[in-house]
Amino acid sequence: MRRTPLAWSLSVCYSYKRMNEPTEGPRPGERLSRPAKDVSDARRLLLDAGRRLFAQRGFKGTSVRALTAEAGVNLGAVSYHFGSKEGLYDAVLEDCLGSVRGKIAAAGEAPLPAGERVELVVRGLFKHLQDNPDLPRFFVQEVVLGERLSPVVLDLMKTVTRTLTRIMEEGQADESTVAGDPVLQALSVLSQPIYLSVMPATLKREAMKGADLPLPSSSAEDHAVALLRRGLLRQQEAKE
């Protein structure tokens, strides 16, 4: 039987009320579910929980039940707010990466010489990774382990790689940067912030203290910029 608009509205309200009621009880080790204050609260709680768990366990290793228990919301909240676990995962990545994508694109369009624009991109990536230390885990899961390449990550890779490649091409055209494959140069630039954000932190882990490995004593960001200047800019080569 076709529902009237009033009946449909009442059913939606009732469904959402039930969604935000506590579940029958958590499984061992799970947090007790609690009603969210409103729709935006439940969505934010799931984004924060997703960020923690996806970074720790990966996409496949994180269940919907674990996500809702971590967030303290009803089991149906993931479907209600994001459509699926995949939808929540993509929303988490957009929450983490959306702002830096726009900043990198803007740096690529800045009215500055090629070398200065490369430095803007590199320092911007270092700053974003410093502010979001869990992001390297996402990069490893997405790019290296190949669990599931999110369209959000793919879009970021396109933006960064195309921006840096165009800068390299423009620098080669006005002879301010060295000759070479502009795509490989772009990937070399991109690798510096990611790798140098991961390794120093890894070397400082408790489990690594007995390995007697050398630790850096200066800024990884400044080192990467200096290295790229020496390797890519013709003006810097001429001075040295």
C-alpha atoms as a PDB file:
ATOM      1  CA  MET A   1       0.000   0.000   0.000  1.00  0.00           C
ATOM      2  CA  ARG A   2       1.346   3.444  -0.931  1.00  0.00           C
ATOM      3  CA  ARG A   3       2.250   5.603   2.076  1.00  0.00           C
ATOM      4  CA  THR A   4       0.842   9.100   2.503  1.00  0.00           C
ATOM      5  CA  PRO A   5       3.394  11.927   3.023  1.00  0.00           C
ATOM      6  CA  LEU A   6       2.426  12.070   6.715  1.00  0.00           C
ATOM      7  CA  ALA A   7       2.959   8.334   7.166  1.00  0.00           C
ATOM      8  CA  TRP A   8       6.294   8.500   5.396  1.00  0.00           C
ATOM      9  CA  SER A   9       7.481  11.409   7.600  1.00  0.00           C
ATOM     10  CA  LEU A  10       6.469   9.578  10.754  1.00  0.00           C
ATOM     11  CA  SER A  11       8.281   6.425   9.630  1.00  0.00           C
ATOM     12  CA  VAL A  12      11.493   8.363   8.970  1.00  0.00           C
ATOM     13  CA  CYS A  13      11.349  10.039  12.379  1.00  0.00           C
ATOM     14  CA  TYR A  14      10.691   6.710  14.070  1.00  0.00           C
ATOM     15  CA  SER A  15      13.524   5.006  12.179  1.00  0.00           C
ATOM     16  CA  TYR A  16      15.997   7.697  13.144  1.00  0.00           C
ATOM     17  CA  LYS A  17      14.802   7.612  16.774  1.00  0.00           C
ATOM     18  CA  ARG A  18      15.416   3.880  16.854  1.00  0.00           C
ATOM     19  CA  MET A  19      18.795   4.302  15.182  1.00  0.00           C
ATOM     20  CA  ASN A  20      19.968   6.561  18.005  1.00  0.00           C
ATOM     21  CA  GLU A  21      18.706   4.342  20.799  1.00  0.00           C
ATOM     22  CA  PRO A  22      21.313   2.223  22.584  1.00  0.00           C
ATOM     23  CA  THR A  23      21.818  -1.274  21.231  1.00  0.00           C
ATOM     24  CA  GLU A  24      21.019  -4.355  23.243  1.00  0.00           C
ATOM     25  CA  GLY A  25      24.520  -4.325  24.697  1.00  0.00           C
ATOM     26  CA  PRO A  26      28.107  -4.353  23.494  1.00  0.00           C
ATOM     27  CA  ARG A  27      30.104  -7.445  22.779  1.00  0.00           C
ATOM     28  CA  PRO A  28      33.151  -8.123  24.960  1.00  0.00           C
ATOM     29  CA  GLY A  29      35.713  -5.343  24.500  1.00  0.00           C
ATOM     30  CA  GLU A  30      33.281  -2.944  22.774  1.00  0.00           C
ATOM     31  CA  ARG A  31      32.194   0.419  24.097  1.00  0.00           C
ATOM     32  CA  LEU A  32      28.663   0.909  25.344  1.00  0.00           C
ATOM     33  CA  SER A  33      26.543   2.563  22.646  1.00  0.00           C
ATOM     34  CA  ARG A  34      24.980   5.878  23.611  1.00  0.00           C
ATOM     35  CA  PRO A  35      22.420   8.102  21.871  1.00  0.00           C
ATOM     36  CA  ALA A  36      23.948  10.847  19.749  1.00  0.00           C
ATOM     37  CA  LYS A  37      22.775  14.371  20.559  1.00  0.00           C
ATOM     38  CA  ASP A  38      21.741  15.038  16.957  1.00  0.00           C
ATOM     39  CA  VAL A  39      22.424  14.008  13.387  1.00  0.00           C
ATOM     40  CA  SER A  40      25.615  16.047  13.047  1.00  0.00           C
ATOM     41  CA  ASP A  41      26.973  14.639  16.325  1.00  0.00           C
ATOM     42  CA  ALA A  42      26.493  11.045  15.184  1.00  0.00           C
ATOM     43  CA  ARG A  43      28.126  11.781  11.838  1.00  0.00           C
ATOM     44  CA  ARG A  44      31.116  13.470  13.488  1.00  0.00           C
ATOM     45  CA  LEU A  45      31.495  10.653  16.007  1.00  0.00           C
ATOM     46  CA  LEU A  46      31.614   8.123  13.163  1.00  0.00           C
ATOM     47  CA  LEU A  47      34.177  10.166  11.219  1.00  0.00           C
ATOM     48  CA  ASP A  48      36.436  10.391  14.270  1.00  0.00           C
ATOM     49  CA  ALA A  49      36.015   6.694  15.070  1.00  0.00           C
ATOM     50  CA  GLY A  50      36.619   5.771  11.437  1.00  0.00           C
ATOM     51  CA  ARG A  51      39.793   7.775  11.317  1.00  0.00           C
ATOM     52  CA  ARG A  52      41.180   6.018  14.391  1.00  0.00           C
ATOM     53  CA  LEU A  53      40.201   2.484  13.409  1.00  0.00           C
ATOM     54  CA  PHE A  54      40.879   2.646   9.667  1.00  0.00           C
ATOM     55  CA  ALA A  55      44.358   4.040  10.361  1.00  0.00           C
ATOM     56  CA  GLN A  56      45.083   1.262  12.866  1.00  0.00           C
ATOM     57  CA  ARG A  57      43.442  -1.728  11.186  1.00  0.00           C
ATOM     58  CA  GLY A  58      42.929  -0.819   7.544  1.00  0.00           C
ATOM     59  CA  PHE A  59      39.688  -0.967   5.608  1.00  0.00           C
ATOM     60  CA  LYS A  60      39.267  -4.747   5.607  1.00  0.00           C
ATOM     61  CA  GLY A  61      40.281  -5.107   9.232  1.00  0.00           C
ATOM     62  CA  THR A  62      37.636  -2.688  10.491  1.00  0.00           C
ATOM     63  CA  SER A  63      34.061  -3.902  10.874  1.00  0.00           C
ATOM     64  CA  VAL A  64      30.897  -1.825  10.972  1.00  0.00           C
ATOM     65  CA  ARG A  65      30.209  -3.179  14.453  1.00  0.00           C
ATOM     66  CA  ALA A  66      33.627  -2.014  15.634  1.00  0.00           C
ATOM     67  CA  LEU A  67      33.080   1.426  14.091  1.00  0.00           C
ATOM     68  CA  THR A  68      29.709   1.960  15.741  1.00  0.00           C
ATOM     69  CA  ALA A  69      30.952   0.629  19.073  1.00  0.00           C
ATOM     70  CA  GLU A  70      33.949   3.004  18.927  1.00  0.00           C
ATOM     71  CA  ALA A  71      31.679   5.924  18.062  1.00  0.00           C
ATOM     72  CA  GLY A  72      29.021   4.935  20.599  1.00  0.00           C
ATOM     73  CA  VAL A  73      26.150   4.977  18.103  1.00  0.00           C
ATOM     74  CA  ASN A  74      23.582   2.496  16.852  1.00  0.00           C
ATOM     75  CA  LEU A  75      24.631  -0.212  14.399  1.00  0.00           C
ATOM     76  CA  GLY A  76      22.499   1.333  11.640  1.00  0.00           C
ATOM     77  CA  ALA A  77      24.170   4.763  11.869  1.00  0.00           C
ATOM     78  CA  VAL A  78      26.845   3.963   9.250  1.00  0.00           C
ATOM     79  CA  SER A  79      24.233   3.159   6.619  1.00  0.00           C
ATOM     80  CA  TYR A  80      22.085   6.128   7.614  1.00  0.00           C
ATOM     81  CA  HIS A  81      24.862   8.735   7.382  1.00  0.00           C
ATOM     82  CA  PHE A  82      27.240   7.275   4.771  1.00  0.00           C
ATOM     83  CA  GLY A  83      25.380   4.531   2.921  1.00  0.00           C
ATOM     84  CA  SER A  84      28.001   1.866   3.663  1.00  0.00           C
ATOM     85  CA  LYS A  85      31.393   1.229   5.256  1.00  0.00           C
ATOM     86  CA  GLU A  86      32.956   2.239   1.925  1.00  0.00           C
ATOM     87  CA  GLY A  87      31.088   5.535   2.096  1.00  0.00           C
ATOM     88  CA  LEU A  88      32.352   6.211   5.612  1.00  0.00           C
ATOM     89  CA  TYR A  89      35.915   5.339   4.578  1.00  0.00           C
ATOM     90  CA  ASP A  90      35.809   7.772   1.662  1.00  0.00           C
ATOM     91  CA  ALA A  91      34.300  10.452   3.926  1.00  0.00           C
ATOM     92  CA  VAL A  92      37.129   9.947   6.446  1.00  0.00           C
ATOM     93  CA  LEU A  93      39.736  10.370   3.710  1.00  0.00           C
ATOM     94  CA  GLU A  94      37.986  13.454   2.349  1.00  0.00           C
ATOM     95  CA  ASP A  95      37.942  14.850   5.882  1.00  0.00           C
ATOM     96  CA  CYS A  96      41.709  14.227   6.140  1.00  0.00           C
ATOM     97  CA  LEU A  97      42.820  15.195   2.637  1.00  0.00           C
ATOM     98  CA  GLY A  98      40.277  17.605   1.192  1.00  0.00           C
ATOM     99  CA  SER A  99      41.911  20.784   2.487  1.00  0.00           C
ATOM    100  CA  VAL A 100      45.461  19.967   1.351  1.00  0.00           C
ATOM    101  CA  ARG A 101      44.284  19.136  -2.166  1.00  0.00           C
ATOM    102  CA  GLY A 102      43.016  22.674  -2.640  1.00  0.00           C
ATOM    103  CA  LYS A 103      46.155  24.227  -1.139  1.00  0.00           C
ATOM    104  CA  ILE A 104      48.433  22.278  -3.477  1.00  0.00           C
ATOM    105  CA  ALA A 105      46.388  23.253  -6.512  1.00  0.00           C
ATOM    106  CA  ALA A 106      46.567  26.911  -5.407  1.00  0.00           C
ATOM    107  CA  ALA A 107      50.354  26.688  -4.921  1.00  0.00           C
ATOM    108  CA  GLY A 108      50.689  25.385  -8.462  1.00  0.00           C
ATOM    109  CA  GLU A 109      48.866  28.463  -9.794  1.00  0.00           C
ATOM    110  CA  ALA A 110      50.809  31.009  -7.714  1.00  0.00           C
ATOM    111  CA  PRO A 111      52.581  33.738  -9.776  1.00  0.00           C
ATOM    112  CA  LEU A 112      56.019  32.584  -8.630  1.00  0.00           C
ATOM    113  CA  PRO A 113      59.073  30.938 -10.215  1.00  0.00           C
ATOM    114  CA  ALA A 114      58.994  27.147 -10.532  1.00  0.00           C
ATOM    115  CA  GLY A 115      61.377  26.540  -7.657  1.00  0.00           C
ATOM    116  CA  GLU A 116      59.374  28.641  -5.224  1.00  0.00           C
ATOM    117  CA  ARG A 117      56.156  26.876  -6.180  1.00  0.00           C
ATOM    118  CA  VAL A 118      57.804  23.477  -5.606  1.00  0.00           C
ATOM    119  CA  GLU A 119      58.882  24.672  -2.169  1.00  0.00           C
ATOM    120  CA  LEU A 120      55.335  25.812  -1.391  1.00  0.00           C
ATOM    121  CA  VAL A 121      54.004  22.354  -2.282  1.00  0.00           C
ATOM    122  CA  VAL A 122      56.663  20.531  -0.262  1.00  0.00           C
ATOM    123  CA  ARG A 123      56.270  22.684   2.837  1.00  0.00           C
ATOM    124  CA  GLY A 124      52.492  22.448   2.547  1.00  0.00           C
ATOM    125  CA  LEU A 125      52.649  18.645   2.479  1.00  0.00           C
ATOM    126  CA  PHE A 126      55.033  18.540   5.445  1.00  0.00           C
ATOM    127  CA  LYS A 127      52.730  20.821   7.444  1.00  0.00           C
ATOM    128  CA  HIS A 128      49.648  18.734   6.645  1.00  0.00           C
ATOM    129  CA  LEU A 129      51.416  15.486   7.562  1.00  0.00           C
ATOM    130  CA  GLN A 130      52.700  17.038  10.770  1.00  0.00           C
ATOM    131  CA  ASP A 131      49.177  18.122  11.709  1.00  0.00           C
ATOM    132  CA  ASN A 132      47.765  14.700  10.725  1.00  0.00           C
ATOM    133  CA  PRO A 133      50.317  12.070  11.836  1.00  0.00           C
ATOM    134  CA  ASP A 134      47.969   9.174  11.049  1.00  0.00           C
ATOM    135  CA  LEU A 135      47.919   9.972   7.311  1.00  0.00           C
ATOM    136  CA  PRO A 136      51.078   8.005   6.378  1.00  0.00           C
ATOM    137  CA  ARG A 137      49.260   4.849   7.515  1.00  0.00           C
ATOM    138  CA  PHE A 138      46.477   5.617   5.063  1.00  0.00           C
ATOM    139  CA  PHE A 139      48.999   6.198   2.279  1.00  0.00           C
ATOM    140  CA  VAL A 140      50.674   2.850   2.960  1.00  0.00           C
ATOM    141  CA  GLN A 141      47.329   1.044   3.015  1.00  0.00           C
ATOM    142  CA  GLU A 142      46.099   2.736  -0.142  1.00  0.00           C
ATOM    143  CA  VAL A 143      49.197   2.957  -2.334  1.00  0.00           C
ATOM    144  CA  VAL A 144      51.558   0.234  -1.098  1.00  0.00           C
ATOM    145  CA  LEU A 145      49.323  -2.515   0.232  1.00  0.00           C
ATOM    146  CA  GLY A 146      46.688  -1.924  -2.400  1.00  0.00           C
ATOM    147  CA  GLU A 147      43.770  -2.749  -0.118  1.00  0.00           C
ATOM    148  CA  ARG A 148      41.344  -0.440  -1.833  1.00  0.00           C
ATOM    149  CA  LEU A 149      42.314   2.657  -3.801  1.00  0.00           C
ATOM    150  CA  SER A 150      39.838   5.270  -2.687  1.00  0.00           C
ATOM    151  CA  PRO A 151      38.655   7.810  -5.269  1.00  0.00           C
ATOM    152  CA  VAL A 152      39.590  10.494  -2.727  1.00  0.00           C
ATOM    153  CA  VAL A 153      43.227   9.336  -2.674  1.00  0.00           C
ATOM    154  CA  LEU A 154      43.246   8.916  -6.448  1.00  0.00           C
ATOM    155  CA  ASP A 155      41.983  12.482  -6.853  1.00  0.00           C
ATOM    156  CA  LEU A 156      44.682  13.787  -4.500  1.00  0.00           C
ATOM    157  CA  MET A 157      47.377  11.863  -6.388  1.00  0.00           C
ATOM    158  CA  LYS A 158      46.149  13.338  -9.660  1.00  0.00           C
ATOM    159  CA  THR A 159      46.153  16.860  -8.248  1.00  0.00           C
ATOM    160  CA  VAL A 160      49.629  16.638  -6.711  1.00  0.00           C
ATOM    161  CA  THR A 161      51.289  14.765  -9.580  1.00  0.00           C
ATOM    162  CA  ARG A 162      49.762  16.943 -12.299  1.00  0.00           C
ATOM    163  CA  THR A 163      50.576  20.142 -10.398  1.00  0.00           C
ATOM    164  CA  LEU A 164      54.197  19.194  -9.814  1.00  0.00           C
ATOM    165  CA  THR A 165      54.634  17.834 -13.353  1.00  0.00           C
ATOM    166  CA  ARG A 166      53.345  21.099 -14.816  1.00  0.00           C
ATOM    167  CA  ILE A 167      55.731  23.088 -12.590  1.00  0.00           C
ATOM    168  CA  MET A 168      58.649  20.936 -13.765  1.00  0.00           C
ATOM    169  CA  GLU A 169      57.656  21.388 -17.411  1.00  0.00           C
ATOM    170  CA  GLU A 170      57.364  25.151 -17.018  1.00  0.00           C
ATOM    171  CA  GLY A 171      60.713  25.273 -15.228  1.00  0.00           C
ATOM    172  CA  GLN A 172      62.392  23.314 -17.999  1.00  0.00           C
ATOM    173  CA  ALA A 173      60.814  25.593 -20.605  1.00  0.00           C
ATOM    174  CA  ASP A 174      62.341  28.722 -19.027  1.00  0.00           C
ATOM    175  CA  GLU A 175      65.507  26.787 -18.061  1.00  0.00           C
ATOM    176  CA  SER A 176      65.113  27.474 -14.349  1.00  0.00           C
ATOM    177  CA  THR A 177      65.019  23.719 -13.563  1.00  0.00           C
ATOM    178  CA  VAL A 178      67.216  20.876 -14.766  1.00  0.00           C
ATOM    179  CA  ALA A 179      66.294  18.673 -17.699  1.00  0.00           C
ATOM    180  CA  GLY A 180      64.689  15.299 -17.043  1.00  0.00           C
ATOM    181  CA  ASP A 181      61.462  13.369 -17.034  1.00  0.00           C
ATOM    182  CA  PRO A 182      59.018  15.830 -15.409  1.00  0.00           C
ATOM    183  CA  VAL A 183      56.787  13.032 -14.100  1.00  0.00           C
ATOM    184  CA  LEU A 184      59.685  11.292 -12.332  1.00  0.00           C
ATOM    185  CA  GLN A 185      60.819  14.645 -10.981  1.00  0.00           C
ATOM    186  CA  ALA A 186      57.304  15.248  -9.659  1.00  0.00           C
ATOM    187  CA  LEU A 187      57.196  11.828  -7.994  1.00  0.00           C
ATOM    188  CA  SER A 188      60.624  12.449  -6.454  1.00  0.00           C
ATOM    189  CA  VAL A 189      59.374  15.708  -4.972  1.00  0.00           C
ATOM    190  CA  LEU A 190      56.210  14.032  -3.658  1.00  0.00           C
ATOM    191  CA  SER A 191      58.136  11.195  -2.033  1.00  0.00           C
ATOM    192  CA  GLN A 192      60.214  13.481   0.194  1.00  0.00           C
ATOM    193  CA  PRO A 193      57.481  14.751   2.545  1.00  0.00           C
ATOM    194  CA  ILE A 194      55.854  11.323   2.836  1.00  0.00           C
ATOM    195  CA  TYR A 195      59.011   9.277   3.459  1.00  0.00           C
ATOM    196  CA  LEU A 196      60.711  11.852   5.672  1.00  0.00           C
ATOM    197  CA  SER A 197      57.556  12.212   7.764  1.00  0.00           C
ATOM    198  CA  VAL A 198      57.415   8.454   8.357  1.00  0.00           C
ATOM    199  CA  MET A 199      61.039   7.422   8.962  1.00  0.00           C
ATOM    200  CA  PRO A 200      62.184   9.801  11.743  1.00  0.00           C
ATOM    201  CA  ALA A 201      59.092   8.897  13.772  1.00  0.00           C
ATOM    202  CA  THR A 202      59.708   5.204  13.112  1.00  0.00           C
ATOM    203  CA  LEU A 203      63.318   5.436  14.286  1.00  0.00           C
ATOM    204  CA  LYS A 204      62.166   6.964  17.565  1.00  0.00           C
ATOM    205  CA  ARG A 205      59.796   4.134  18.449  1.00  0.00           C
ATOM    206  CA  GLU A 206      60.405   2.274  21.679  1.00  0.00           C
ATOM    207  CA  ALA A 207      60.994  -0.991  19.806  1.00  0.00           C
ATOM    208  CA  MET A 208      63.790   0.639  17.774  1.00  0.00           C
ATOM    209  CA  LYS A 209      65.763   2.055  20.689  1.00  0.00           C
ATOM    210  CA  GLY A 210      67.963  -0.995  21.045  1.00  0.00           C
ATOM    211  CA  ALA A 211      68.814  -1.116  17.354  1.00  0.00           C
ATOM    212  CA  ASP A 212      71.500   1.588  17.677  1.00  0.00           C
ATOM    213  CA  LEU A 213      70.306   3.423  14.574  1.00  0.00           C
ATOM    214  CA  PRO A 214      71.315   7.034  13.896  1.00  0.00           C
ATOM    215  CA  LEU A 215      68.670   9.702  14.413  1.00  0.00           C
ATOM    216  CA  PRO A 216      68.318  12.969  12.473  1.00  0.00           C
ATOM    217  CA  SER A 217      69.259  16.122  14.353  1.00  0.00           C
ATOM    218  CA  SER A 218      67.800  18.744  12.014  1.00  0.00           C
ATOM    219  CA  SER A 219      64.496  19.571  10.324  1.00  0.00           C
ATOM    220  CA  ALA A 220      63.382  16.981   7.771  1.00  0.00           C
ATOM    221  CA  GLU A 221      61.357  19.687   6.010  1.00  0.00           C
ATOM    222  CA  ASP A 222      64.336  22.051   5.607  1.00  0.00           C
ATOM    223  CA  HIS A 223      66.541  19.157   4.514  1.00  0.00           C
ATOM    224  CA  ALA A 224      64.043  18.099   1.831  1.00  0.00           C
ATOM    225  CA  VAL A 225      63.724  21.651   0.483  1.00  0.00           C
ATOM    226  CA  ALA A 226      67.515  22.107   0.345  1.00  0.00           C
ATOM    227  CA  LEU A 227      67.948  18.752  -1.370  1.00  0.00           C
ATOM    228  CA  LEU A 228      65.314  19.534  -3.975  1.00  0.00           C
ATOM    229  CA  ARG A 229      66.848  22.942  -4.664  1.00  0.00           C
ATOM    230  CA  ARG A 230      70.241  21.372  -5.311  1.00  0.00           C
ATOM    231  CA  GLY A 231      68.753  18.611  -7.425  1.00  0.00           C
ATOM    232  CA  LEU A 232      66.238  20.557  -9.487  1.00  0.00           C
ATOM    233  CA  LEU A 233      67.084  24.251  -9.768  1.00  0.00           C
ATOM    234  CA  ARG A 234      69.652  25.471 -12.271  1.00  0.00           C
ATOM    235  CA  GLN A 235      70.206  28.747 -10.402  1.00  0.00           C
ATOM    236  CA  GLN A 236      71.107  26.863  -7.243  1.00  0.00           C
ATOM    237  CA  GLU A 237      73.539  24.646  -9.182  1.00  0.00           C
ATOM    238  CA  ALA A 238      75.255  27.702 -10.663  1.00  0.00           C
ATOM    239  CA  LYS A 239      75.732  29.276  -7.212  1.00  0.00           C
ATOM    240  CA  GLU A 240      77.255  26.137  -5.776  1.00  0.00           C
END
